[in-house]
Amino acid sequence: MKDIEVAIETSADSIASGDNSTLTANLIEKQALLTTFIGGNSQSGAMFDIYADESKVITGFSVNPVQTNASDIEIYYKTGTHVGFENTPTAWTSAGSYQNINVHFANRIVLDTAIPILAGQRLSFYITRTTAGSISYTNGTAVGDVMASANGLIVYQGVGISYPFNQIYSPRNINCVVHFEDHNPTGVDFDWSSGQQTNSIVVSPLSTTTYTATAEKDSCTFASDVTIYITDLSKDKFSHSYLKIYPNPAKDVVVIQPKKSFGSSTTITLRDNAGKVVYTSVEPLNNNDITIPVDQYARGIYILEIVGDNMRETKRMQLF
C-alpha cells in the first residue's frame, strides 16, 4: 500500500457556539523519485531542473555522498531552468540551511517549507555541501535530457558546480531521491461523518464536535478526524461567566478564580490547539482559587474546560 494519509485543515478550531468553521480534507500521497545511484564523479554541489505534468509538492531530498562525514547543506531553488543562472546567486531563493547533516540516501533532508510545483511548471534546484565533502553525481549526455521520471514528475540532467555558484561541470546527473507529495489526486472520493461528500465543508456546531473525513482511492480508504471546540458553552445555561481566568495571555501560571461554587469534584482540563489533553485534575472549586503551572507547555492557543457538579465553562487562552 502506498504511503497515504488524510490531513484536515480548519479555518478555526475554537469558535463560539453556532459560528462557522471551514474544514478542508486533503488526501496526501507521499512519493519518491530516484534519479540514479551509480556515482562515478562528484563535486560539492549540483543544479538540475524538475518539471511537473501534474501539480505536486516538493518536500525534500536524499543525496548520495562521497564522504560520509557530516557537513552543512544549502538548498536553493528558482522558477524556470537553471541554465544561464549557474553563476548568479541573486536569481536563487534559499530553501534552507541544514547543519551537521550526515549525508546519505537513508537520511532525508526535509525542507523547512515544502515547495509546490504546479502542473506545467519547471523549477530548478541547487543542492550543495558548504563544508568539507562532495556529493556524488554521474556524467550525463546533455543538459536538459531526461534523467528520471515517474508519477507526473520529470527530473532533467543538469550540471555539477563548486561551492558557491562557482566552477561548472557539464553535463551531470545528481545522485539523489526527490521526495514529493500528491495532494488530492484524480479519483479521490470524500465522505464526512456529517454527511457531506466534498473535500471542503462548512460546519456550525452548537457544542464541541469531532468530525471525521474518510477518503477513498483505488478501493482503499483512509480517515482522519478533527475536533471543533466551543469556547462559550456556559452561555447556553448562564447569562454570564461564573469564573475568571488570569493572566491571559499567560507564561508561567494560570489562576482560576470562581465567582460561584462549582462543587467538590470539579474536573479541570487543558487542551492544546490540536485537541491533545496536556493537563487534567479533579479537585474542589468553591471559594478557593486554583493555580495551574503552564511554563512547561509550548506557546500557542489552548482550551481550558472546567466541569463542576452543575456548571460547565470553557475558556480560550494563550500561552507565550
C-alpha atoms as a PDB file:
ATOM      1  CA  MET A   1       0.000   0.000   0.000  1.00  0.00           C
ATOM      2  CA  LYS A   2       1.272   3.492  -0.778  1.00  0.00           C
ATOM      3  CA  ASP A   3       2.182   5.963   1.962  1.00  0.00           C
ATOM      4  CA  ILE A   4      -1.088   7.881   2.127  1.00  0.00           C
ATOM      5  CA  GLU A   5      -2.709   9.987   4.828  1.00  0.00           C
ATOM      6  CA  VAL A   6      -5.651  12.329   5.216  1.00  0.00           C
ATOM      7  CA  ALA A   7      -4.884  15.763   6.695  1.00  0.00           C
ATOM      8  CA  ILE A   8      -7.591  18.207   7.765  1.00  0.00           C
ATOM      9  CA  GLU A   9      -7.145  21.980   7.852  1.00  0.00           C
ATOM     10  CA  THR A  10      -9.568  24.254   9.730  1.00  0.00           C
ATOM     11  CA  SER A  11     -10.281  27.949   9.370  1.00  0.00           C
ATOM     12  CA  ALA A  12     -10.840  27.947  13.146  1.00  0.00           C
ATOM     13  CA  ASP A  13     -10.703  25.068  15.618  1.00  0.00           C
ATOM     14  CA  SER A  14     -12.139  27.095  18.519  1.00  0.00           C
ATOM     15  CA  ILE A  15     -15.345  29.029  17.861  1.00  0.00           C
ATOM     16  CA  ALA A  16     -18.401  30.398  19.615  1.00  0.00           C
ATOM     17  CA  SER A  17     -21.485  28.208  19.600  1.00  0.00           C
ATOM     18  CA  GLY A  18     -23.217  28.421  16.220  1.00  0.00           C
ATOM     19  CA  ASP A  19     -20.339  30.167  14.433  1.00  0.00           C
ATOM     20  CA  ASN A  20     -18.826  28.724  11.252  1.00  0.00           C
ATOM     21  CA  SER A  21     -15.595  26.861  10.654  1.00  0.00           C
ATOM     22  CA  THR A  22     -14.412  25.602   7.266  1.00  0.00           C
ATOM     23  CA  LEU A  23     -12.906  22.109   7.284  1.00  0.00           C
ATOM     24  CA  THR A  24     -10.755  21.067   4.339  1.00  0.00           C
ATOM     25  CA  ALA A  25      -9.598  17.474   3.946  1.00  0.00           C
ATOM     26  CA  ASN A  26      -6.617  16.607   1.777  1.00  0.00           C
ATOM     27  CA  LEU A  27      -5.554  13.132   0.777  1.00  0.00           C
ATOM     28  CA  ILE A  28      -1.761  13.244   0.694  1.00  0.00           C
ATOM     29  CA  GLU A  29       0.138  10.574  -1.200  1.00  0.00           C
ATOM     30  CA  LYS A  30       3.841  10.600  -0.314  1.00  0.00           C
ATOM     31  CA  GLN A  31       6.130   9.537  -3.138  1.00  0.00           C
ATOM     32  CA  ALA A  32       9.811   9.410  -4.053  1.00  0.00           C
ATOM     33  CA  LEU A  33      11.695   9.547  -7.366  1.00  0.00           C
ATOM     34  CA  LEU A  34      15.228   8.117  -7.616  1.00  0.00           C
ATOM     35  CA  THR A  35      17.495   9.653 -10.251  1.00  0.00           C
ATOM     36  CA  THR A  36      20.467   7.255 -10.184  1.00  0.00           C
ATOM     37  CA  PHE A  37      22.810   5.686  -7.694  1.00  0.00           C
ATOM     38  CA  ILE A  38      25.768   4.691  -9.859  1.00  0.00           C
ATOM     39  CA  GLY A  39      28.156   7.513  -8.869  1.00  0.00           C
ATOM     40  CA  GLY A  40      31.344   7.898 -10.888  1.00  0.00           C
ATOM     41  CA  ASN A  41      32.032  11.576 -10.227  1.00  0.00           C
ATOM     42  CA  SER A  42      31.386  14.253  -7.603  1.00  0.00           C
ATOM     43  CA  GLN A  43      31.528  17.898  -6.641  1.00  0.00           C
ATOM     44  CA  SER A  44      30.354  19.996  -3.696  1.00  0.00           C
ATOM     45  CA  GLY A  45      27.002  20.553  -5.386  1.00  0.00           C
ATOM     46  CA  ALA A  46      24.767  20.165  -8.415  1.00  0.00           C
ATOM     47  CA  MET A  47      21.981  22.015 -10.249  1.00  0.00           C
ATOM     48  CA  PHE A  48      19.079  20.420 -12.077  1.00  0.00           C
ATOM     49  CA  ASP A  49      15.528  21.095 -13.288  1.00  0.00           C
ATOM     50  CA  ILE A  50      12.251  19.454 -12.294  1.00  0.00           C
ATOM     51  CA  TYR A  51       9.081  19.628 -14.415  1.00  0.00           C
ATOM     52  CA  ALA A  52       5.582  18.628 -13.248  1.00  0.00           C
ATOM     53  CA  ASP A  53       2.949  17.170 -15.555  1.00  0.00           C
ATOM     54  CA  GLU A  54       0.609  17.325 -12.559  1.00  0.00           C
ATOM     55  CA  SER A  55       0.759  19.607  -9.527  1.00  0.00           C
ATOM     56  CA  LYS A  56       2.970  18.255  -6.749  1.00  0.00           C
ATOM     57  CA  VAL A  57       4.638  19.456  -3.548  1.00  0.00           C
ATOM     58  CA  ILE A  58       8.399  19.007  -3.176  1.00  0.00           C
ATOM     59  CA  THR A  59       9.127  18.094   0.458  1.00  0.00           C
ATOM     60  CA  GLY A  60      12.831  17.158   0.498  1.00  0.00           C
ATOM     61  CA  PHE A  61      15.813  15.343  -0.947  1.00  0.00           C
ATOM     62  CA  SER A  62      18.172  12.497  -0.152  1.00  0.00           C
ATOM     63  CA  VAL A  63      21.614  12.759  -1.733  1.00  0.00           C
ATOM     64  CA  ASN A  64      24.464  10.299  -2.149  1.00  0.00           C
ATOM     65  CA  PRO A  65      27.768  11.399  -0.588  1.00  0.00           C
ATOM     66  CA  VAL A  66      31.327  10.551  -1.497  1.00  0.00           C
ATOM     67  CA  GLN A  67      32.468  11.155   2.079  1.00  0.00           C
ATOM     68  CA  THR A  68      30.193  10.041   4.921  1.00  0.00           C
ATOM     69  CA  ASN A  69      31.250  12.769   7.334  1.00  0.00           C
ATOM     70  CA  ALA A  70      28.540  15.132   8.499  1.00  0.00           C
ATOM     71  CA  SER A  71      28.504  18.521   6.797  1.00  0.00           C
ATOM     72  CA  ASP A  72      26.311  21.554   6.247  1.00  0.00           C
ATOM     73  CA  ILE A  73      23.937  21.551   3.294  1.00  0.00           C
ATOM     74  CA  GLU A  74      22.383  24.505   1.485  1.00  0.00           C
ATOM     75  CA  ILE A  75      19.445  24.124  -0.900  1.00  0.00           C
ATOM     76  CA  TYR A  76      18.347  26.835  -3.347  1.00  0.00           C
ATOM     77  CA  TYR A  77      15.536  26.935  -5.906  1.00  0.00           C
ATOM     78  CA  LYS A  78      14.174  29.206  -8.625  1.00  0.00           C
ATOM     79  CA  THR A  79      11.294  29.272 -11.072  1.00  0.00           C
ATOM     80  CA  GLY A  80      12.349  28.155 -14.529  1.00  0.00           C
ATOM     81  CA  THR A  81      15.528  26.474 -15.684  1.00  0.00           C
ATOM     82  CA  HIS A  82      18.923  26.773 -14.023  1.00  0.00           C
ATOM     83  CA  VAL A  83      20.561  27.182 -17.433  1.00  0.00           C
ATOM     84  CA  GLY A  84      22.099  30.643 -17.689  1.00  0.00           C
ATOM     85  CA  PHE A  85      21.890  31.245 -13.943  1.00  0.00           C
ATOM     86  CA  GLU A  86      24.608  28.899 -12.707  1.00  0.00           C
ATOM     87  CA  ASN A  87      26.776  31.802 -11.509  1.00  0.00           C
ATOM     88  CA  THR A  88      24.001  34.218 -10.484  1.00  0.00           C
ATOM     89  CA  PRO A  89      23.259  33.837  -6.750  1.00  0.00           C
ATOM     90  CA  THR A  90      20.713  36.674  -6.797  1.00  0.00           C
ATOM     91  CA  ALA A  91      18.457  34.645  -9.112  1.00  0.00           C
ATOM     92  CA  TRP A  92      18.004  31.956  -6.470  1.00  0.00           C
ATOM     93  CA  THR A  93      15.954  31.672  -3.281  1.00  0.00           C
ATOM     94  CA  SER A  94      17.195  29.742  -0.273  1.00  0.00           C
ATOM     95  CA  ALA A  95      15.141  26.677   0.612  1.00  0.00           C
ATOM     96  CA  GLY A  96      17.019  26.294   3.863  1.00  0.00           C
ATOM     97  CA  SER A  97      20.373  25.730   5.517  1.00  0.00           C
ATOM     98  CA  TYR A  98      20.752  22.314   7.133  1.00  0.00           C
ATOM     99  CA  GLN A  99      23.588  21.950   9.617  1.00  0.00           C
ATOM    100  CA  ASN A 100      25.619  18.878  10.501  1.00  0.00           C
ATOM    101  CA  ILE A 101      23.767  16.573   8.113  1.00  0.00           C
ATOM    102  CA  ASN A 102      25.063  13.031   7.781  1.00  0.00           C
ATOM    103  CA  VAL A 103      24.503  12.979   4.038  1.00  0.00           C
ATOM    104  CA  HIS A 104      23.218   9.610   2.883  1.00  0.00           C
ATOM    105  CA  PHE A 105      20.403   8.179   0.817  1.00  0.00           C
ATOM    106  CA  ALA A 106      18.791   6.924   4.011  1.00  0.00           C
ATOM    107  CA  ASN A 107      18.856  10.399   5.581  1.00  0.00           C
ATOM    108  CA  ARG A 108      16.187  12.594   4.058  1.00  0.00           C
ATOM    109  CA  ILE A 109      16.694  16.347   4.122  1.00  0.00           C
ATOM    110  CA  VAL A 110      13.207  17.648   4.865  1.00  0.00           C
ATOM    111  CA  LEU A 111      12.688  21.164   3.533  1.00  0.00           C
ATOM    112  CA  ASP A 112      11.878  23.807   6.131  1.00  0.00           C
ATOM    113  CA  THR A 113       8.974  24.827   3.902  1.00  0.00           C
ATOM    114  CA  ALA A 114       7.609  22.482   1.250  1.00  0.00           C
ATOM    115  CA  ILE A 115       7.728  23.907  -2.286  1.00  0.00           C
ATOM    116  CA  PRO A 116       4.682  23.473  -4.566  1.00  0.00           C
ATOM    117  CA  ILE A 117       5.270  22.861  -8.257  1.00  0.00           C
ATOM    118  CA  LEU A 118       2.221  23.450 -10.431  1.00  0.00           C
ATOM    119  CA  ALA A 119       1.150  21.412 -13.433  1.00  0.00           C
ATOM    120  CA  GLY A 120       3.155  22.602 -16.439  1.00  0.00           C
ATOM    121  CA  GLN A 121       5.732  24.395 -14.274  1.00  0.00           C
ATOM    122  CA  ARG A 122       9.517  23.952 -14.241  1.00  0.00           C
ATOM    123  CA  LEU A 123      11.589  24.611 -11.117  1.00  0.00           C
ATOM    124  CA  SER A 124      15.346  24.342 -10.727  1.00  0.00           C
ATOM    125  CA  PHE A 125      17.270  23.314  -7.618  1.00  0.00           C
ATOM    126  CA  TYR A 126      20.824  23.740  -6.398  1.00  0.00           C
ATOM    127  CA  ILE A 127      21.915  21.316  -3.647  1.00  0.00           C
ATOM    128  CA  THR A 128      25.393  21.835  -2.241  1.00  0.00           C
ATOM    129  CA  ARG A 129      27.604  20.920   0.654  1.00  0.00           C
ATOM    130  CA  THR A 130      29.008  24.112   2.143  1.00  0.00           C
ATOM    131  CA  THR A 131      31.651  22.451   4.313  1.00  0.00           C
ATOM    132  CA  ALA A 132      34.034  19.552   3.679  1.00  0.00           C
ATOM    133  CA  GLY A 133      32.973  16.825   1.303  1.00  0.00           C
ATOM    134  CA  SER A 134      31.197  16.366  -2.005  1.00  0.00           C
ATOM    135  CA  ILE A 135      28.000  14.938  -3.439  1.00  0.00           C
ATOM    136  CA  SER A 136      28.000  12.083  -5.940  1.00  0.00           C
ATOM    137  CA  TYR A 137      26.808  12.544  -9.474  1.00  0.00           C
ATOM    138  CA  THR A 138      27.197  10.693 -12.740  1.00  0.00           C
ATOM    139  CA  ASN A 139      28.455  12.087 -16.046  1.00  0.00           C
ATOM    140  CA  GLY A 140      25.467  12.755 -18.296  1.00  0.00           C
ATOM    141  CA  THR A 141      24.722  13.006 -22.003  1.00  0.00           C
ATOM    142  CA  ALA A 142      23.344  16.545 -22.335  1.00  0.00           C
ATOM    143  CA  VAL A 143      21.886  19.195 -20.062  1.00  0.00           C
ATOM    144  CA  GLY A 144      18.108  19.022 -20.416  1.00  0.00           C
ATOM    145  CA  ASP A 145      17.941  15.326 -21.273  1.00  0.00           C
ATOM    146  CA  VAL A 146      15.549  13.370 -19.057  1.00  0.00           C
ATOM    147  CA  MET A 147      17.340  11.894 -16.055  1.00  0.00           C
ATOM    148  CA  ALA A 148      14.343  10.204 -14.403  1.00  0.00           C
ATOM    149  CA  SER A 149      10.549  10.413 -14.398  1.00  0.00           C
ATOM    150  CA  ALA A 150       7.608   8.883 -12.555  1.00  0.00           C
ATOM    151  CA  ASN A 151       4.119   9.776 -11.338  1.00  0.00           C
ATOM    152  CA  GLY A 152       3.874  13.062 -13.218  1.00  0.00           C
ATOM    153  CA  LEU A 153       7.336  14.381 -12.250  1.00  0.00           C
ATOM    154  CA  ILE A 154      10.359  14.680 -14.568  1.00  0.00           C
ATOM    155  CA  VAL A 155      13.948  15.352 -13.439  1.00  0.00           C
ATOM    156  CA  TYR A 156      16.362  16.623 -16.102  1.00  0.00           C
ATOM    157  CA  GLN A 157      20.114  16.335 -16.404  1.00  0.00           C
ATOM    158  CA  GLY A 158      21.960  19.349 -15.061  1.00  0.00           C
ATOM    159  CA  VAL A 159      25.444  20.385 -14.008  1.00  0.00           C
ATOM    160  CA  GLY A 160      27.923  19.964 -11.200  1.00  0.00           C
ATOM    161  CA  ILE A 161      29.105  23.174  -9.607  1.00  0.00           C
ATOM    162  CA  SER A 162      31.726  24.014  -6.999  1.00  0.00           C
ATOM    163  CA  TYR A 163      30.633  25.985  -3.976  1.00  0.00           C
ATOM    164  CA  PRO A 164      29.387  28.666  -4.083  1.00  0.00           C
ATOM    165  CA  PHE A 165      27.928  29.219  -7.580  1.00  0.00           C
ATOM    166  CA  ASN A 166      31.415  28.711  -8.972  1.00  0.00           C
ATOM    167  CA  GLN A 167      33.036  26.345 -11.499  1.00  0.00           C
ATOM    168  CA  ILE A 168      30.588  24.496 -13.796  1.00  0.00           C
ATOM    169  CA  TYR A 169      30.977  20.831 -14.804  1.00  0.00           C
ATOM    170  CA  SER A 170      28.565  19.704 -17.515  1.00  0.00           C
ATOM    171  CA  PRO A 171      26.514  17.605 -18.060  1.00  0.00           C
ATOM    172  CA  ARG A 172      25.975  15.846 -14.722  1.00  0.00           C
ATOM    173  CA  ASN A 173      23.264  13.673 -13.163  1.00  0.00           C
ATOM    174  CA  ILE A 174      22.948  14.227  -9.424  1.00  0.00           C
ATOM    175  CA  ASN A 175      22.575  11.017  -7.406  1.00  0.00           C
ATOM    176  CA  CYS A 176      19.516  11.793  -5.323  1.00  0.00           C
ATOM    177  CA  VAL A 177      15.976  10.953  -4.327  1.00  0.00           C
ATOM    178  CA  VAL A 178      13.317  13.639  -4.818  1.00  0.00           C
ATOM    179  CA  HIS A 179      10.660  13.366  -2.104  1.00  0.00           C
ATOM    180  CA  PHE A 180       7.291  14.820  -3.057  1.00  0.00           C
ATOM    181  CA  GLU A 181       3.596  14.664  -2.325  1.00  0.00           C
ATOM    182  CA  ASP A 182       0.478  14.446  -4.444  1.00  0.00           C
ATOM    183  CA  HIS A 183      -2.483  16.261  -2.865  1.00  0.00           C
ATOM    184  CA  ASN A 184      -6.000  15.107  -3.773  1.00  0.00           C
ATOM    185  CA  PRO A 185      -5.081  13.235  -6.966  1.00  0.00           C
ATOM    186  CA  THR A 186      -7.748  12.376  -9.513  1.00  0.00           C
ATOM    187  CA  GLY A 187     -10.143   9.671  -8.372  1.00  0.00           C
ATOM    188  CA  VAL A 188     -10.394  10.528  -4.672  1.00  0.00           C
ATOM    189  CA  ASP A 189     -13.866  10.459  -3.076  1.00  0.00           C
ATOM    190  CA  PHE A 190     -14.527  12.127   0.282  1.00  0.00           C
ATOM    191  CA  ASP A 191     -17.198  11.286   2.834  1.00  0.00           C
ATOM    192  CA  TRP A 192     -17.638  13.243   6.081  1.00  0.00           C
ATOM    193  CA  SER A 193     -19.272  11.938   9.240  1.00  0.00           C
ATOM    194  CA  SER A 194     -21.655  14.909   8.937  1.00  0.00           C
ATOM    195  CA  GLY A 195     -22.912  13.587   5.577  1.00  0.00           C
ATOM    196  CA  GLN A 196     -21.187  15.905   3.073  1.00  0.00           C
ATOM    197  CA  GLN A 197     -19.160  14.402   0.239  1.00  0.00           C
ATOM    198  CA  THR A 198     -16.800  17.184  -0.818  1.00  0.00           C
ATOM    199  CA  ASN A 199     -13.288  17.735   0.460  1.00  0.00           C
ATOM    200  CA  SER A 200     -14.197  21.149   1.958  1.00  0.00           C
ATOM    201  CA  ILE A 201     -17.216  21.710   4.186  1.00  0.00           C
ATOM    202  CA  VAL A 202     -18.578  24.423   6.480  1.00  0.00           C
ATOM    203  CA  VAL A 203     -19.776  23.380   9.946  1.00  0.00           C
ATOM    204  CA  SER A 204     -21.644  25.300  12.655  1.00  0.00           C
ATOM    205  CA  PRO A 205     -21.608  23.131  15.789  1.00  0.00           C
ATOM    206  CA  LEU A 206     -23.555  24.158  18.892  1.00  0.00           C
ATOM    207  CA  SER A 207     -21.246  22.127  21.139  1.00  0.00           C
ATOM    208  CA  THR A 208     -17.745  20.667  20.879  1.00  0.00           C
ATOM    209  CA  THR A 209     -17.899  18.190  17.982  1.00  0.00           C
ATOM    210  CA  THR A 210     -15.489  15.788  16.320  1.00  0.00           C
ATOM    211  CA  TYR A 211     -15.742  15.420  12.534  1.00  0.00           C
ATOM    212  CA  THR A 212     -14.266  12.501  10.588  1.00  0.00           C
ATOM    213  CA  ALA A 213     -13.231  12.710   6.942  1.00  0.00           C
ATOM    214  CA  THR A 214     -12.891   9.457   5.016  1.00  0.00           C
ATOM    215  CA  ALA A 215     -11.174   9.413   1.624  1.00  0.00           C
ATOM    216  CA  GLU A 216     -11.313   6.514  -0.827  1.00  0.00           C
ATOM    217  CA  LYS A 217      -8.743   5.951  -3.554  1.00  0.00           C
ATOM    218  CA  ASP A 218      -8.081   2.813  -5.586  1.00  0.00           C
ATOM    219  CA  SER A 219     -10.540   0.851  -3.392  1.00  0.00           C
ATOM    220  CA  CYS A 220      -8.594   1.778  -0.250  1.00  0.00           C
ATOM    221  CA  THR A 221      -9.984   4.019   2.487  1.00  0.00           C
ATOM    222  CA  PHE A 222      -8.124   6.475   4.693  1.00  0.00           C
ATOM    223  CA  ALA A 223      -9.558   8.579   7.505  1.00  0.00           C
ATOM    224  CA  SER A 224      -8.733  11.370   9.917  1.00  0.00           C
ATOM    225  CA  ASP A 225     -10.696  13.469  12.360  1.00  0.00           C
ATOM    226  CA  VAL A 226     -10.671  16.955  13.827  1.00  0.00           C
ATOM    227  CA  THR A 227     -12.407  18.428  16.862  1.00  0.00           C
ATOM    228  CA  ILE A 228     -14.009  21.874  16.792  1.00  0.00           C
ATOM    229  CA  TYR A 229     -14.140  23.285  20.301  1.00  0.00           C
ATOM    230  CA  ILE A 230     -16.869  25.624  21.517  1.00  0.00           C
ATOM    231  CA  THR A 231     -15.460  28.403  23.682  1.00  0.00           C
ATOM    232  CA  ASP A 232     -18.705  29.674  25.211  1.00  0.00           C
ATOM    233  CA  LEU A 233     -20.549  26.573  26.408  1.00  0.00           C
ATOM    234  CA  SER A 234     -21.563  28.343  29.597  1.00  0.00           C
ATOM    235  CA  LYS A 235     -23.701  30.798  27.613  1.00  0.00           C
ATOM    236  CA  ASP A 236     -26.200  28.033  26.837  1.00  0.00           C
ATOM    237  CA  LYS A 237     -27.197  27.983  30.524  1.00  0.00           C
ATOM    238  CA  PHE A 238     -25.855  31.160  32.059  1.00  0.00           C
ATOM    239  CA  SER A 239     -26.059  34.781  31.034  1.00  0.00           C
ATOM    240  CA  HIS A 240     -22.537  35.475  32.258  1.00  0.00           C
ATOM    241  CA  SER A 241     -19.377  33.684  33.298  1.00  0.00           C
ATOM    242  CA  TYR A 242     -19.053  32.354  36.837  1.00  0.00           C
ATOM    243  CA  LEU A 243     -15.288  32.346  36.913  1.00  0.00           C
ATOM    244  CA  LYS A 244     -12.285  34.455  35.998  1.00  0.00           C
ATOM    245  CA  ILE A 245      -9.130  33.210  34.285  1.00  0.00           C
ATOM    246  CA  TYR A 246      -5.978  35.276  34.596  1.00  0.00           C
ATOM    247  CA  PRO A 247      -3.477  36.223  33.343  1.00  0.00           C
ATOM    248  CA  ASN A 248      -4.430  35.696  29.715  1.00  0.00           C
ATOM    249  CA  PRO A 249      -2.094  35.539  27.827  1.00  0.00           C
ATOM    250  CA  ALA A 250      -0.076  33.608  30.414  1.00  0.00           C
ATOM    251  CA  LYS A 251       3.520  32.488  30.684  1.00  0.00           C
ATOM    252  CA  ASP A 252       4.168  30.727  33.996  1.00  0.00           C
ATOM    253  CA  VAL A 253       0.845  30.040  35.738  1.00  0.00           C
ATOM    254  CA  VAL A 254      -2.885  30.424  35.148  1.00  0.00           C
ATOM    255  CA  VAL A 255      -5.220  31.207  38.044  1.00  0.00           C
ATOM    256  CA  ILE A 256      -8.840  30.031  38.079  1.00  0.00           C
ATOM    257  CA  GLN A 257     -10.940  32.282  40.319  1.00  0.00           C
ATOM    258  CA  PRO A 258     -14.561  31.128  40.809  1.00  0.00           C
ATOM    259  CA  LYS A 259     -17.363  33.600  41.370  1.00  0.00           C
ATOM    260  CA  LYS A 260     -19.683  30.755  42.376  1.00  0.00           C
ATOM    261  CA  SER A 261     -19.135  27.242  43.689  1.00  0.00           C
ATOM    262  CA  PHE A 262     -18.561  24.615  41.015  1.00  0.00           C
ATOM    263  CA  GLY A 263     -18.666  21.776  43.555  1.00  0.00           C
ATOM    264  CA  SER A 264     -16.362  19.417  45.420  1.00  0.00           C
ATOM    265  CA  SER A 265     -15.399  17.371  42.350  1.00  0.00           C
ATOM    266  CA  THR A 266     -14.595  19.809  39.582  1.00  0.00           C
ATOM    267  CA  THR A 267     -12.749  18.466  36.518  1.00  0.00           C
ATOM    268  CA  ILE A 268     -10.215  20.854  35.041  1.00  0.00           C
ATOM    269  CA  THR A 269      -8.845  20.021  31.568  1.00  0.00           C
ATOM    270  CA  LEU A 270      -6.351  21.918  29.436  1.00  0.00           C
ATOM    271  CA  ARG A 271      -6.081  21.022  25.736  1.00  0.00           C
ATOM    272  CA  ASP A 272      -3.645  22.313  23.150  1.00  0.00           C
ATOM    273  CA  ASN A 273      -4.782  23.685  19.800  1.00  0.00           C
ATOM    274  CA  ALA A 274      -4.732  20.182  18.287  1.00  0.00           C
ATOM    275  CA  GLY A 275      -7.108  18.884  20.970  1.00  0.00           C
ATOM    276  CA  LYS A 276      -4.494  16.919  22.937  1.00  0.00           C
ATOM    277  CA  VAL A 277      -5.018  16.912  26.701  1.00  0.00           C
ATOM    278  CA  VAL A 278      -1.889  18.336  28.356  1.00  0.00           C
ATOM    279  CA  TYR A 279      -3.274  18.778  31.886  1.00  0.00           C
ATOM    280  CA  THR A 280      -6.183  17.381  33.865  1.00  0.00           C
ATOM    281  CA  SER A 281      -7.177  17.294  37.528  1.00  0.00           C
ATOM    282  CA  VAL A 282     -10.229  16.742  39.735  1.00  0.00           C
ATOM    283  CA  GLU A 283     -10.482  18.946  42.822  1.00  0.00           C
ATOM    284  CA  PRO A 284     -12.864  21.222  44.756  1.00  0.00           C
ATOM    285  CA  LEU A 285     -13.606  24.617  43.192  1.00  0.00           C
ATOM    286  CA  ASN A 286     -15.718  26.548  45.671  1.00  0.00           C
ATOM    287  CA  ASN A 287     -14.454  29.809  47.109  1.00  0.00           C
ATOM    288  CA  ASN A 288     -10.839  28.851  46.513  1.00  0.00           C
ATOM    289  CA  ASP A 289      -8.546  29.889  43.665  1.00  0.00           C
ATOM    290  CA  ILE A 290      -6.730  27.155  41.726  1.00  0.00           C
ATOM    291  CA  THR A 291      -3.331  27.754  40.165  1.00  0.00           C
ATOM    292  CA  ILE A 292      -2.169  25.715  37.160  1.00  0.00           C
ATOM    293  CA  PRO A 293       1.527  25.736  36.177  1.00  0.00           C
ATOM    294  CA  VAL A 294       1.871  26.220  32.403  1.00  0.00           C
ATOM    295  CA  ASP A 295       5.550  27.097  31.977  1.00  0.00           C
ATOM    296  CA  GLN A 296       6.318  23.628  30.585  1.00  0.00           C
ATOM    297  CA  TYR A 297       3.895  23.944  27.679  1.00  0.00           C
ATOM    298  CA  ALA A 298       4.666  25.359  24.237  1.00  0.00           C
ATOM    299  CA  ARG A 299       3.387  28.801  23.332  1.00  0.00           C
ATOM    300  CA  GLY A 300       0.099  28.868  21.448  1.00  0.00           C
ATOM    301  CA  ILE A 301      -3.683  28.717  21.864  1.00  0.00           C
ATOM    302  CA  TYR A 302      -5.180  26.391  24.488  1.00  0.00           C
ATOM    303  CA  ILE A 303      -8.698  25.462  25.615  1.00  0.00           C
ATOM    304  CA  LEU A 304      -9.391  25.340  29.367  1.00  0.00           C
ATOM    305  CA  GLU A 305     -12.543  23.417  30.302  1.00  0.00           C
ATOM    306  CA  ILE A 306     -13.988  23.447  33.833  1.00  0.00           C
ATOM    307  CA  VAL A 307     -16.808  20.984  34.575  1.00  0.00           C
ATOM    308  CA  GLY A 308     -18.467  21.101  38.002  1.00  0.00           C
ATOM    309  CA  ASP A 309     -21.473  19.427  39.609  1.00  0.00           C
ATOM    310  CA  ASN A 310     -23.977  21.646  37.783  1.00  0.00           C
ATOM    311  CA  MET A 311     -21.692  24.074  35.993  1.00  0.00           C
ATOM    312  CA  ARG A 312     -19.558  23.963  32.882  1.00  0.00           C
ATOM    313  CA  GLU A 313     -17.399  26.642  31.311  1.00  0.00           C
ATOM    314  CA  THR A 314     -14.858  26.637  28.516  1.00  0.00           C
ATOM    315  CA  LYS A 315     -12.253  29.346  28.077  1.00  0.00           C
ATOM    316  CA  ARG A 316      -9.857  30.064  25.242  1.00  0.00           C
ATOM    317  CA  MET A 317      -6.429  31.185  26.433  1.00  0.00           C
ATOM    318  CA  GLN A 318      -2.991  31.905  25.062  1.00  0.00           C
ATOM    319  CA  LEU A 319       0.451  30.917  26.355  1.00  0.00           C
ATOM    320  CA  PHE A 320       3.526  32.874  25.358  1.00  0.00           C
END
